[in-house]
């Protein structure tokens, strides 16, 4: 693999990942009515998450794998 490809496909994406992980610790996450959502999920229900486009980059940090 050439050095350019290593930078493009290995090093730069990994640096972006680390940057987002570090930035995560500076975020405040506000969850509204989570007791209702958790009760609905525990009954086997499915949900659709809604968010503003400006927050799209950080949605993986809000999703805990349920639903």
Protein backbone atom coordinates (compact mmCIF):
# COMPACT_ATOMS: atom_id res chain seq x y z
CA UNK A 1 0.00 0.00 0.00
CA UNK A 2 1.40 3.38 -0.98
CA UNK A 3 2.00 6.10 1.64
CA UNK A 4 -0.73 8.27 0.10
CA UNK A 5 -3.30 5.48 0.42
CA UNK A 6 -2.24 4.84 4.02
CA UNK A 7 -2.84 8.52 4.85
CA UNK A 8 -6.16 8.61 2.98
CA UNK A 9 -7.68 5.40 4.26
CA UNK A 10 -6.01 4.72 7.62
CA UNK A 11 -4.44 7.70 9.34
CA UNK A 12 -6.87 10.54 8.48
CA UNK A 13 -10.04 8.54 9.32
CA UNK A 14 -8.49 7.39 12.59
CA UNK A 15 -7.56 10.97 13.51
CA UNK A 16 -11.15 12.04 12.73
CA UNK A 17 -12.46 9.26 14.95
CA UNK A 18 -10.21 10.35 17.82
CA UNK A 19 -11.26 13.98 17.35
CA UNK A 20 -14.96 13.06 17.59
CA UNK A 21 -14.36 10.89 20.65
CA UNK A 22 -12.57 13.76 22.38
CA UNK A 23 -15.23 16.26 21.32
CA UNK A 24 -17.89 13.96 22.76
CA UNK A 25 -16.75 14.79 26.28
CA UNK A 26 -17.53 18.48 25.75
CA UNK A 27 -21.13 17.87 24.66
CA UNK A 28 -24.28 18.19 26.73
CA UNK A 29 -26.97 15.71 25.79
CA UNK A 30 -30.57 16.54 26.66
CA UNK A 31 -33.01 13.64 26.62
CA UNK A 32 -36.70 14.54 26.88
CA UNK A 33 -39.29 12.08 28.25
CA UNK A 34 -36.81 9.21 28.45
CA UNK A 35 -38.96 7.36 30.99
CA UNK A 36 -41.76 7.05 28.41
CA UNK A 37 -39.34 5.92 25.72
CA UNK A 38 -37.67 3.35 27.97
CA UNK A 39 -41.05 1.94 29.02
CA UNK A 40 -42.12 1.69 25.38
CA UNK A 41 -38.87 -0.03 24.39
CA UNK A 42 -39.10 -2.50 27.28
CA UNK A 43 -42.50 -3.56 25.92
CA UNK A 44 -40.86 -4.41 22.60
CA UNK A 45 -41.76 -1.18 20.79
CA UNK A 46 -39.63 0.45 18.11
CA UNK A 47 -38.82 4.15 17.83
CA UNK A 48 -37.64 6.70 15.29
CA UNK A 49 -35.15 9.25 16.61
CA UNK A 50 -35.49 12.88 15.51
CA UNK A 51 -32.73 15.49 15.60
CA UNK A 52 -31.60 18.71 13.95
CA UNK A 53 -29.25 18.44 10.97
CA UNK A 54 -26.63 20.42 12.86
CA UNK A 55 -26.47 17.61 15.42
CA UNK A 56 -26.28 14.74 12.94
CA UNK A 57 -22.55 14.21 13.41
CA UNK A 58 -23.06 13.31 17.06
CA UNK A 59 -26.09 11.01 16.81
CA UNK A 60 -23.98 7.85 17.23
CA UNK A 61 -23.16 9.07 20.74
CA UNK A 62 -26.85 9.43 21.64
CA UNK A 63 -27.92 6.04 20.32
CA UNK A 64 -27.45 3.27 22.87
CA UNK A 65 -28.41 0.35 20.66
CA UNK A 66 -32.05 -0.13 21.68
CA UNK A 67 -34.98 0.28 19.35
